[in-house]
Amino acid sequence: MNLIYGQPPKIIWLKMGNQSKAATIKVLVDNHLKIKQALLTENQDCIEIL
């Protein structure tokens, strides 16, 4: 199925509790290099951000 449909969606798991949209965006922007490296360069399916 992976050959036909491709890789499943990649997951960025934010373990930061209930936060505002601005706080969530800040966490994503602050960790964008880590996310890019894990999901694109290392080809991981999931990354956990604390």
Protein backbone atom coordinates (compact mmCIF):
# COMPACT_ATOMS: atom_id res chain seq x y z
CA MET A 1 0.00 0.00 0.00
CA ASN A 2 2.92 2.32 0.70
CA LEU A 3 4.09 1.95 -2.92
CA ILE A 4 0.63 2.80 -4.25
CA TYR A 5 -0.44 5.58 -1.87
CA GLY A 6 2.92 6.89 -0.67
CA GLN A 7 4.19 7.48 2.82
CA PRO A 8 1.65 8.24 5.55
CA PRO A 9 1.39 11.84 6.76
CA LYS A 10 4.24 13.10 8.91
CA ILE A 11 3.39 14.16 12.46
CA ILE A 12 4.63 17.07 14.54
CA TRP A 13 3.52 16.18 18.08
CA LEU A 14 3.33 19.31 20.24
CA LYS A 15 3.42 18.40 23.93
CA MET A 16 2.76 21.84 25.34
CA GLY A 17 -0.71 21.68 26.79
CA ASN A 18 -3.50 24.09 26.03
CA GLN A 19 -1.91 27.24 24.56
CA SER A 20 -2.92 30.21 22.44
CA LYS A 21 -2.46 30.20 18.69
CA ALA A 22 0.39 32.71 19.06
CA ALA A 23 2.23 30.44 21.53
CA THR A 24 1.80 27.44 19.20
CA ILE A 25 3.14 29.40 16.24
CA LYS A 26 6.12 30.59 18.32
CA VAL A 27 7.00 27.00 19.26
CA LEU A 28 6.82 25.91 15.62
CA VAL A 29 8.90 28.86 14.39
CA ASP A 30 11.48 28.44 17.16
CA ASN A 31 11.88 24.75 16.29
CA HIS A 32 11.62 24.95 12.51
CA LEU A 33 15.22 23.81 11.91
CA LYS A 34 14.79 20.81 14.21
CA ILE A 35 11.50 19.93 12.51
CA LYS A 36 12.96 20.28 9.02
CA GLN A 37 15.98 18.13 9.90
CA ALA A 38 13.93 15.36 11.50
CA LEU A 39 11.13 15.14 8.92
CA LEU A 40 13.02 15.89 5.72
CA THR A 41 16.69 15.10 6.23
CA GLU A 42 16.38 12.14 8.63
CA ASN A 43 13.07 11.04 7.05
CA GLN A 44 11.38 10.42 10.41
CA ASP A 45 7.61 9.98 10.45
CA CYS A 46 7.05 11.75 13.77
CA ILE A 47 8.82 14.40 15.82
CA GLU A 48 7.94 15.34 19.39
CA ILE A 49 8.32 18.96 20.50
CA LEU A 50 8.18 19.64 24.24
